[in-house]
Amino acid sequence: MIKILVIQSPHYDFCQSTLIEGFKELELQKKVKFYCTESSNYAKINGLYDNTLYDDKVAIKYGKEVANLIIFCSNQDVKEYIVEEISKPDKTIYIDGEDVSKYRKDTQHFSLYFKREMLLSLEHQPNVKPFPFAAEQRYFQNLVDKEIDLCCMFGTHDNSKEWRRWI
């Protein structure tokens, strides 16, 4: 069984929520055991489960001594010092959910680096892989035995993301 520590944002993040939701499904199948440094993004569902380590020292100890894999997520207020204290780059994956093509971190500091908005036309380090969007289960809860043809387009809602306009 793979033991995972997820160091995520205390704020809602679509990519992190989908990832943690998937880990919860794998945990129910007894394939992984995971803990998170925050209760956000489905790490805790009141009355159902709580995969949160509320003490940073406990999280660091779990990361150093137990975890086979460290997932380090981007976004606001992520406790980066936990990753630095654990100091296991060979077992750490970074999920760069930044909405720009520029790397948020040095890709060579991680065994695997998932990049959202990765420009495939550029050359990348071998450990860098694209991080596509996914959809949380809540969007499909009321669908039973239905076939869906789905086409969607996400466009820019303001002038802050000019690079999306060409799509």
N, C-alpha and C. Protein backbone atom coordinates (compact mmCIF):
# COMPACT_ATOMS: atom_id res chain seq x y z
N MET A 1 0.84 -1.17 0.00
CA MET A 1 0.00 0.00 0.00
C MET A 1 0.89 1.24 0.00
N ILE A 2 0.58 2.17 -0.86
CA ILE A 2 1.34 3.41 -0.95
C ILE A 2 0.84 4.39 0.11
N LYS A 3 1.78 4.98 0.84
CA LYS A 3 1.44 5.96 1.87
C LYS A 3 1.82 7.34 1.35
N ILE A 4 0.85 8.25 1.34
CA ILE A 4 1.00 9.54 0.68
C ILE A 4 0.74 10.68 1.66
N LEU A 5 1.55 11.72 1.55
CA LEU A 5 1.30 12.97 2.25
C LEU A 5 1.02 14.03 1.20
N VAL A 6 -0.13 14.70 1.32
CA VAL A 6 -0.50 15.77 0.39
C VAL A 6 -0.36 17.10 1.12
N ILE A 7 0.48 17.97 0.58
CA ILE A 7 0.67 19.30 1.15
C ILE A 7 -0.05 20.27 0.22
N GLN A 8 -1.26 20.65 0.65
CA GLN A 8 -2.12 21.42 -0.24
C GLN A 8 -2.51 22.76 0.36
N SER A 9 -3.23 23.53 -0.42
CA SER A 9 -3.68 24.84 -0.01
C SER A 9 -4.86 24.73 0.94
N PRO A 10 -4.97 25.67 1.89
CA PRO A 10 -6.16 25.69 2.74
C PRO A 10 -7.38 26.26 2.00
N HIS A 11 -7.16 26.76 0.81
CA HIS A 11 -8.24 27.35 0.00
C HIS A 11 -8.70 26.34 -1.05
N TYR A 12 -9.94 26.49 -1.49
CA TYR A 12 -10.46 25.58 -2.50
C TYR A 12 -9.61 25.68 -3.77
N ASP A 13 -9.28 24.54 -4.33
CA ASP A 13 -8.52 24.45 -5.57
C ASP A 13 -9.07 23.27 -6.36
N PHE A 14 -9.54 23.54 -7.56
CA PHE A 14 -10.18 22.53 -8.39
C PHE A 14 -9.28 21.32 -8.62
N CYS A 15 -8.05 21.56 -8.99
CA CYS A 15 -7.12 20.46 -9.27
C CYS A 15 -6.83 19.63 -8.01
N GLN A 16 -6.59 20.29 -6.90
CA GLN A 16 -6.30 19.60 -5.65
C GLN A 16 -7.51 18.80 -5.17
N SER A 17 -8.69 19.38 -5.30
CA SER A 17 -9.91 18.67 -4.87
C SER A 17 -10.11 17.39 -5.66
N THR A 18 -9.89 17.46 -6.95
CA THR A 18 -10.06 16.28 -7.79
C THR A 18 -9.02 15.22 -7.45
N LEU A 19 -7.80 15.64 -7.20
CA LEU A 19 -6.74 14.71 -6.83
C LEU A 19 -7.05 14.02 -5.51
N ILE A 20 -7.42 14.78 -4.49
CA ILE A 20 -7.71 14.22 -3.17
C ILE A 20 -8.93 13.32 -3.23
N GLU A 21 -9.92 13.71 -4.00
CA GLU A 21 -11.10 12.87 -4.18
C GLU A 21 -10.71 11.51 -4.77
N GLY A 22 -9.81 11.52 -5.72
CA GLY A 22 -9.32 10.26 -6.32
C GLY A 22 -8.54 9.44 -5.31
N PHE A 23 -7.71 10.08 -4.49
CA PHE A 23 -6.98 9.36 -3.44
C PHE A 23 -7.95 8.71 -2.45
N LYS A 24 -9.05 9.40 -2.13
CA LYS A 24 -10.03 8.83 -1.20
C LYS A 24 -10.64 7.56 -1.80
N GLU A 25 -10.95 7.58 -3.08
CA GLU A 25 -11.48 6.38 -3.73
C GLU A 25 -10.46 5.24 -3.70
N LEU A 26 -9.19 5.55 -3.95
CA LEU A 26 -8.14 4.53 -3.89
C LEU A 26 -7.94 4.02 -2.46
N GLU A 27 -8.12 4.89 -1.48
CA GLU A 27 -8.00 4.48 -0.09
C GLU A 27 -9.12 3.49 0.28
N LEU A 28 -10.31 3.74 -0.20
CA LEU A 28 -11.42 2.82 0.06
C LEU A 28 -11.19 1.45 -0.57
N GLN A 29 -10.41 1.43 -1.65
CA GLN A 29 -10.04 0.16 -2.30
C GLN A 29 -8.80 -0.45 -1.67
N LYS A 30 -8.30 0.18 -0.60
CA LYS A 30 -7.12 -0.30 0.13
C LYS A 30 -5.84 -0.29 -0.72
N LYS A 31 -5.76 0.66 -1.66
CA LYS A 31 -4.57 0.78 -2.50
C LYS A 31 -3.61 1.86 -1.99
N VAL A 32 -4.14 2.86 -1.31
CA VAL A 32 -3.31 3.92 -0.74
C VAL A 32 -3.81 4.26 0.65
N LYS A 33 -2.95 4.89 1.42
CA LYS A 33 -3.31 5.55 2.66
C LYS A 33 -2.73 6.95 2.54
N PHE A 34 -3.56 7.96 2.74
CA PHE A 34 -3.05 9.31 2.57
C PHE A 34 -3.51 10.23 3.69
N TYR A 35 -2.70 11.24 3.93
CA TYR A 35 -3.03 12.31 4.85
C TYR A 35 -2.71 13.64 4.18
N CYS A 36 -3.41 14.68 4.62
CA CYS A 36 -3.24 16.02 4.07
C CYS A 36 -2.86 16.99 5.18
N THR A 37 -2.22 18.07 4.80
CA THR A 37 -1.81 19.08 5.78
C THR A 37 -2.90 20.09 6.07
N GLU A 38 -3.97 20.06 5.29
CA GLU A 38 -5.12 20.96 5.48
C GLU A 38 -6.39 20.13 5.37
N SER A 39 -7.47 20.61 5.94
CA SER A 39 -8.75 19.89 5.85
C SER A 39 -9.54 20.27 4.60
N SER A 40 -9.00 21.16 3.80
CA SER A 40 -9.68 21.64 2.60
C SER A 40 -9.62 20.63 1.46
N ASN A 41 -10.35 20.91 0.41
CA ASN A 41 -10.26 20.15 -0.84
C ASN A 41 -10.56 18.66 -0.67
N TYR A 42 -11.57 18.35 0.12
CA TYR A 42 -12.06 16.98 0.38
C TYR A 42 -11.15 16.15 1.28
N ALA A 43 -10.18 16.78 1.94
CA ALA A 43 -9.40 16.02 2.92
C ALA A 43 -10.27 15.67 4.11
N LYS A 44 -11.28 16.48 4.36
CA LYS A 44 -12.23 16.23 5.45
C LYS A 44 -13.64 16.48 4.94
N ILE A 45 -14.52 15.52 5.20
CA ILE A 45 -15.95 15.69 4.95
C ILE A 45 -16.63 15.42 6.30
N ASN A 46 -17.21 16.45 6.87
CA ASN A 46 -17.82 16.33 8.20
C ASN A 46 -18.77 15.14 8.28
N GLY A 47 -18.57 14.33 9.31
CA GLY A 47 -19.42 13.18 9.55
C GLY A 47 -19.08 11.95 8.74
N LEU A 48 -18.16 12.08 7.77
CA LEU A 48 -17.80 10.93 6.93
C LEU A 48 -16.35 10.48 7.14
N TYR A 49 -15.43 11.41 7.01
CA TYR A 49 -14.03 11.05 7.17
C TYR A 49 -13.19 12.30 7.38
N ASP A 50 -11.98 12.09 7.85
CA ASP A 50 -11.03 13.19 8.05
C ASP A 50 -9.62 12.64 7.83
N ASN A 51 -8.99 13.02 6.74
CA ASN A 51 -7.64 12.59 6.41
C ASN A 51 -6.62 13.71 6.67
N THR A 52 -6.91 14.54 7.65
CA THR A 52 -6.07 15.70 7.93
C THR A 52 -5.13 15.46 9.10
N LEU A 53 -3.87 15.83 8.92
CA LEU A 53 -2.92 15.89 10.03
C LEU A 53 -2.88 17.35 10.46
N TYR A 54 -3.43 17.66 11.60
CA TYR A 54 -3.60 19.05 12.02
C TYR A 54 -2.35 19.66 12.63
N ASP A 55 -1.38 18.87 12.96
CA ASP A 55 -0.14 19.35 13.56
C ASP A 55 0.98 19.24 12.51
N ASP A 56 1.60 20.35 12.19
CA ASP A 56 2.65 20.36 11.16
C ASP A 56 3.82 19.46 11.53
N LYS A 57 4.15 19.37 12.81
CA LYS A 57 5.25 18.50 13.24
C LYS A 57 4.90 17.03 12.97
N VAL A 58 3.65 16.67 13.17
CA VAL A 58 3.20 15.30 12.88
C VAL A 58 3.27 15.05 11.37
N ALA A 59 2.88 16.04 10.59
CA ALA A 59 2.94 15.92 9.13
C ALA A 59 4.38 15.74 8.66
N ILE A 60 5.29 16.50 9.22
CA ILE A 60 6.71 16.39 8.85
C ILE A 60 7.25 15.01 9.22
N LYS A 61 6.90 14.55 10.41
CA LYS A 61 7.35 13.22 10.83
C LYS A 61 6.78 12.14 9.91
N TYR A 62 5.50 12.25 9.56
CA TYR A 62 4.88 11.29 8.65
C TYR A 62 5.60 11.32 7.29
N GLY A 63 5.89 12.51 6.81
CA GLY A 63 6.59 12.65 5.53
C GLY A 63 7.99 12.08 5.54
N LYS A 64 8.70 12.27 6.64
CA LYS A 64 10.08 11.78 6.76
C LYS A 64 10.14 10.27 6.99
N GLU A 65 9.27 9.74 7.84
CA GLU A 65 9.42 8.38 8.32
C GLU A 65 8.46 7.35 7.71
N VAL A 66 7.32 7.79 7.19
CA VAL A 66 6.30 6.83 6.77
C VAL A 66 5.95 6.95 5.28
N ALA A 67 5.74 8.16 4.81
CA ALA A 67 5.24 8.36 3.45
C ALA A 67 6.20 7.84 2.39
N ASN A 68 5.63 7.15 1.40
CA ASN A 68 6.39 6.73 0.23
C ASN A 68 6.40 7.82 -0.83
N LEU A 69 5.43 8.73 -0.73
CA LEU A 69 5.23 9.74 -1.75
C LEU A 69 4.74 11.03 -1.10
N ILE A 70 5.35 12.15 -1.51
CA ILE A 70 4.95 13.47 -1.05
C ILE A 70 4.38 14.20 -2.26
N ILE A 71 3.15 14.68 -2.14
CA ILE A 71 2.52 15.48 -3.20
C ILE A 71 2.50 16.92 -2.70
N PHE A 72 3.21 17.79 -3.40
CA PHE A 72 3.34 19.20 -3.03
C PHE A 72 2.55 20.00 -4.05
N CYS A 73 1.51 20.68 -3.60
CA CYS A 73 0.62 21.41 -4.50
C CYS A 73 0.92 22.91 -4.48
N SER A 74 0.57 23.57 -5.55
CA SER A 74 0.73 25.02 -5.63
C SER A 74 -0.58 25.69 -5.24
N ASN A 75 -0.56 26.95 -5.04
CA ASN A 75 -1.69 27.84 -4.78
C ASN A 75 -1.33 28.69 -3.57
N GLN A 76 -2.31 29.39 -3.02
CA GLN A 76 -2.06 30.32 -1.92
C GLN A 76 -1.90 29.59 -0.59
N ASP A 77 -1.00 30.09 0.21
CA ASP A 77 -0.82 29.67 1.60
C ASP A 77 -0.47 28.20 1.80
N VAL A 78 0.15 27.57 0.80
CA VAL A 78 0.63 26.20 0.98
C VAL A 78 1.85 26.26 1.90
N LYS A 79 1.90 25.36 2.86
CA LYS A 79 2.99 25.36 3.85
C LYS A 79 4.25 24.74 3.24
N GLU A 80 4.98 25.54 2.49
CA GLU A 80 6.17 25.06 1.79
C GLU A 80 7.26 24.58 2.75
N TYR A 81 7.30 25.15 3.93
CA TYR A 81 8.34 24.76 4.89
C TYR A 81 8.21 23.28 5.27
N ILE A 82 7.03 22.70 5.15
CA ILE A 82 6.86 21.27 5.45
C ILE A 82 7.66 20.44 4.45
N VAL A 83 7.57 20.81 3.17
CA VAL A 83 8.32 20.10 2.13
C VAL A 83 9.81 20.27 2.35
N GLU A 84 10.22 21.50 2.67
CA GLU A 84 11.65 21.77 2.91
C GLU A 84 12.17 20.97 4.10
N GLU A 85 11.37 20.87 5.14
CA GLU A 85 11.78 20.14 6.34
C GLU A 85 11.86 18.63 6.07
N ILE A 86 10.92 18.10 5.29
CA ILE A 86 10.95 16.67 4.95
C ILE A 86 12.16 16.36 4.09
N SER A 87 12.42 17.22 3.12
CA SER A 87 13.61 17.15 2.27
C SER A 87 13.83 15.78 1.62
N LYS A 88 12.86 15.36 0.82
CA LYS A 88 12.96 14.11 0.07
C LYS A 88 12.59 14.38 -1.40
N PRO A 89 13.45 15.09 -2.13
CA PRO A 89 13.10 15.42 -3.53
C PRO A 89 12.88 14.19 -4.40
N ASP A 90 13.52 13.08 -4.07
CA ASP A 90 13.37 11.86 -4.87
C ASP A 90 11.99 11.22 -4.69
N LYS A 91 11.26 11.63 -3.65
CA LYS A 91 9.93 11.09 -3.39
C LYS A 91 8.85 12.17 -3.45
N THR A 92 9.22 13.34 -3.98
CA THR A 92 8.29 14.46 -3.99
C THR A 92 7.86 14.81 -5.41
N ILE A 93 6.55 14.92 -5.56
CA ILE A 93 5.94 15.33 -6.83
C ILE A 93 5.35 16.72 -6.63
N TYR A 94 5.57 17.59 -7.59
CA TYR A 94 4.99 18.93 -7.51
C TYR A 94 3.87 19.05 -8.52
N ILE A 95 2.75 19.61 -8.09
CA ILE A 95 1.63 19.87 -8.99
C ILE A 95 1.52 21.37 -9.15
N ASP A 96 1.94 21.83 -10.29
CA ASP A 96 1.96 23.25 -10.62
C ASP A 96 0.64 23.59 -11.31
N GLY A 97 -0.31 24.05 -10.53
CA GLY A 97 -1.62 24.39 -11.07
C GLY A 97 -1.73 25.84 -11.52
N GLU A 98 -0.59 26.50 -11.65
CA GLU A 98 -0.56 27.91 -12.06
C GLU A 98 -1.19 28.07 -13.43
N ASP A 99 -1.90 29.16 -13.60
CA ASP A 99 -2.65 29.42 -14.82
C ASP A 99 -1.81 30.12 -15.89
N VAL A 100 -0.50 29.97 -15.80
CA VAL A 100 0.41 30.51 -16.81
C VAL A 100 1.39 29.42 -17.20
N SER A 101 2.04 29.57 -18.34
CA SER A 101 2.94 28.53 -18.81
C SER A 101 4.29 28.53 -18.09
N LYS A 102 4.63 29.62 -17.44
CA LYS A 102 5.91 29.71 -16.72
C LYS A 102 5.89 28.76 -15.51
N TYR A 103 7.00 28.08 -15.27
CA TYR A 103 7.11 27.19 -14.12
C TYR A 103 7.09 27.97 -12.82
N ARG A 104 6.40 27.44 -11.85
CA ARG A 104 6.34 28.08 -10.53
C ARG A 104 7.57 27.74 -9.70
N LYS A 105 8.11 26.54 -9.88
CA LYS A 105 9.28 26.07 -9.12
C LYS A 105 10.34 25.56 -10.09
N ASP A 106 11.53 25.30 -9.57
CA ASP A 106 12.59 24.68 -10.34
C ASP A 106 12.24 23.21 -10.53
N THR A 107 12.03 22.79 -11.75
CA THR A 107 11.55 21.44 -12.04
C THR A 107 12.54 20.35 -11.61
N GLN A 108 13.81 20.70 -11.52
CA GLN A 108 14.83 19.70 -11.17
C GLN A 108 14.81 19.32 -9.69
N HIS A 109 14.03 20.03 -8.87
CA HIS A 109 13.97 19.74 -7.44
C HIS A 109 12.93 18.67 -7.10
N PHE A 110 12.33 18.05 -8.13
CA PHE A 110 11.25 17.09 -7.91
C PHE A 110 11.43 15.87 -8.80
N SER A 111 11.00 14.72 -8.29
CA SER A 111 11.09 13.51 -9.10
C SER A 111 10.13 13.57 -10.29
N LEU A 112 9.00 14.25 -10.09
CA LEU A 112 8.01 14.42 -11.15
C LEU A 112 7.36 15.77 -10.96
N TYR A 113 7.13 16.47 -12.05
CA TYR A 113 6.58 17.83 -12.00
C TYR A 113 5.42 17.89 -12.98
N PHE A 114 4.19 17.97 -12.44
CA PHE A 114 3.02 18.10 -13.30
C PHE A 114 2.73 19.57 -13.52
N LYS A 115 2.53 19.96 -14.78
CA LYS A 115 2.35 21.37 -15.12
C LYS A 115 1.03 21.60 -15.84
N ARG A 116 0.19 22.42 -15.24
CA ARG A 116 -1.02 22.89 -15.91
C ARG A 116 -0.59 23.98 -16.89
N GLU A 117 -1.31 24.14 -17.96
CA GLU A 117 -0.99 25.14 -19.00
C GLU A 117 0.41 24.90 -19.56
N MET A 118 0.79 23.65 -19.71
CA MET A 118 2.11 23.32 -20.25
C MET A 118 2.10 23.48 -21.77
N LEU A 119 2.96 24.32 -22.25
CA LEU A 119 3.04 24.53 -23.69
C LEU A 119 3.83 23.38 -24.31
N LEU A 120 3.16 22.54 -25.05
CA LEU A 120 3.79 21.37 -25.64
C LEU A 120 4.76 21.73 -26.76
N SER A 121 4.67 22.95 -27.25
CA SER A 121 5.58 23.39 -28.31
C SER A 121 6.97 23.72 -27.78
N LEU A 122 7.12 23.83 -26.47
CA LEU A 122 8.42 24.12 -25.87
C LEU A 122 9.10 22.83 -25.45
N GLU A 123 10.40 22.90 -25.25
CA GLU A 123 11.14 21.74 -24.76
C GLU A 123 11.10 21.75 -23.23
N HIS A 124 10.88 20.58 -22.65
CA HIS A 124 10.76 20.47 -21.20
C HIS A 124 11.70 19.38 -20.68
N GLN A 125 12.01 19.46 -19.39
CA GLN A 125 12.80 18.42 -18.74
C GLN A 125 12.00 17.10 -18.80
N PRO A 126 12.68 15.94 -18.81
CA PRO A 126 11.97 14.65 -18.88
C PRO A 126 11.02 14.39 -17.72
N ASN A 127 11.25 15.00 -16.57
CA ASN A 127 10.37 14.77 -15.42
C ASN A 127 9.12 15.65 -15.42
N VAL A 128 8.95 16.50 -16.43
CA VAL A 128 7.80 17.40 -16.51
C VAL A 128 6.74 16.79 -17.41
N LYS A 129 5.52 16.70 -16.87
CA LYS A 129 4.39 16.12 -17.59
C LYS A 129 3.21 17.07 -17.52
N PRO A 130 2.35 17.05 -18.54
CA PRO A 130 1.16 17.91 -18.50
C PRO A 130 0.17 17.45 -17.44
N PHE A 131 -0.51 18.40 -16.84
CA PHE A 131 -1.51 18.12 -15.82
C PHE A 131 -2.86 18.58 -16.35
N PRO A 132 -3.63 17.67 -16.93
CA PRO A 132 -4.92 18.07 -17.50
C PRO A 132 -5.97 18.28 -16.42
N PHE A 133 -7.00 19.01 -16.77
CA PHE A 133 -8.12 19.21 -15.86
C PHE A 133 -8.90 17.92 -15.69
N ALA A 134 -9.64 17.83 -14.62
CA ALA A 134 -10.53 16.71 -14.36
C ALA A 134 -11.81 17.27 -13.77
N ALA A 135 -12.79 16.43 -13.58
CA ALA A 135 -14.06 16.87 -13.01
C ALA A 135 -14.34 16.10 -11.74
N GLU A 136 -14.70 16.82 -10.70
CA GLU A 136 -15.03 16.20 -9.42
C GLU A 136 -16.30 15.37 -9.56
N GLN A 137 -16.44 14.37 -8.68
CA GLN A 137 -17.60 13.48 -8.71
C GLN A 137 -18.92 14.23 -8.53
N ARG A 138 -18.92 15.33 -7.80
CA ARG A 138 -20.18 16.03 -7.52
C ARG A 138 -20.89 16.49 -8.79
N TYR A 139 -20.15 16.65 -9.87
CA TYR A 139 -20.76 17.08 -11.12
C TYR A 139 -21.51 15.94 -11.81
N PHE A 140 -21.32 14.71 -11.34
CA PHE A 140 -21.92 13.56 -11.99
C PHE A 140 -22.83 12.76 -11.05
N GLN A 141 -23.10 13.27 -9.87
CA GLN A 141 -23.87 12.52 -8.87
C GLN A 141 -25.29 12.19 -9.32
N ASN A 142 -25.93 13.05 -10.03
CA ASN A 142 -27.33 12.83 -10.42
C ASN A 142 -27.46 12.13 -11.77
N LEU A 143 -26.39 11.67 -12.32
CA LEU A 143 -26.42 10.99 -13.60
C LEU A 143 -26.39 9.49 -13.40
N VAL A 144 -27.44 8.83 -13.74
CA VAL A 144 -27.53 7.38 -13.58
C VAL A 144 -27.91 6.78 -14.93
N ASP A 145 -27.07 5.87 -15.41
CA ASP A 145 -27.33 5.17 -16.68
C ASP A 145 -27.66 6.13 -17.83
N LYS A 146 -26.91 7.18 -17.92
CA LYS A 146 -27.12 8.12 -19.02
C LYS A 146 -25.84 8.24 -19.83
N GLU A 147 -26.01 8.37 -21.11
CA GLU A 147 -24.87 8.66 -21.96
C GLU A 147 -24.85 10.16 -22.20
N ILE A 148 -23.67 10.71 -22.15
CA ILE A 148 -23.55 12.15 -22.29
C ILE A 148 -22.51 12.46 -23.36
N ASP A 149 -22.89 13.25 -24.31
CA ASP A 149 -21.93 13.83 -25.23
C ASP A 149 -21.66 15.22 -24.69
N LEU A 150 -20.42 15.46 -24.34
CA LEU A 150 -20.08 16.70 -23.68
C LEU A 150 -19.01 17.44 -24.46
N CYS A 151 -19.27 18.69 -24.67
CA CYS A 151 -18.28 19.55 -25.30
C CYS A 151 -18.29 20.85 -24.50
N CYS A 152 -17.14 21.28 -24.06
CA CYS A 152 -17.10 22.52 -23.32
C CYS A 152 -15.94 23.38 -23.75
N MET A 153 -16.10 24.65 -23.49
CA MET A 153 -15.09 25.63 -23.86
C MET A 153 -14.91 26.58 -22.69
N PHE A 154 -13.69 26.68 -22.19
CA PHE A 154 -13.40 27.61 -21.12
C PHE A 154 -12.67 28.79 -21.71
N GLY A 155 -13.29 29.92 -21.66
CA GLY A 155 -12.67 31.12 -22.21
C GLY A 155 -12.31 32.08 -21.10
N THR A 156 -11.60 33.09 -21.47
CA THR A 156 -11.19 34.10 -20.50
C THR A 156 -12.39 34.97 -20.15
N HIS A 157 -12.48 35.37 -18.89
CA HIS A 157 -13.57 36.22 -18.44
C HIS A 157 -13.12 37.67 -18.25
N ASP A 158 -11.86 37.93 -18.47
CA ASP A 158 -11.35 39.29 -18.36
C ASP A 158 -10.07 39.40 -19.20
N ASN A 159 -9.37 40.49 -19.07
CA ASN A 159 -8.15 40.71 -19.87
C ASN A 159 -6.89 40.18 -19.20
N SER A 160 -7.02 39.47 -18.07
CA SER A 160 -5.83 39.02 -17.35
C SER A 160 -5.21 37.77 -17.97
N LYS A 161 -5.92 37.10 -18.85
CA LYS A 161 -5.41 35.85 -19.44
C LYS A 161 -5.47 35.94 -20.97
N GLU A 162 -4.72 36.85 -21.50
CA GLU A 162 -4.71 37.11 -22.95
C GLU A 162 -4.34 35.87 -23.75
N TRP A 163 -3.48 34.99 -23.19
CA TRP A 163 -3.03 33.82 -23.92
C TRP A 163 -4.16 32.84 -24.22
N ARG A 164 -5.29 32.96 -23.55
CA ARG A 164 -6.41 32.06 -23.81
C ARG A 164 -7.27 32.51 -25.00
N ARG A 165 -7.16 33.74 -25.38
CA ARG A 165 -8.03 34.27 -26.43
C ARG A 165 -7.86 33.55 -27.76
N TRP A 166 -6.66 33.10 -28.10
CA TRP A 166 -6.44 32.44 -29.39
C TRP A 166 -7.18 31.11 -29.51
N ILE A 167 -7.51 30.49 -28.39
CA ILE A 167 -8.23 29.21 -28.41
C ILE A 167 -9.57 29.40 -29.06
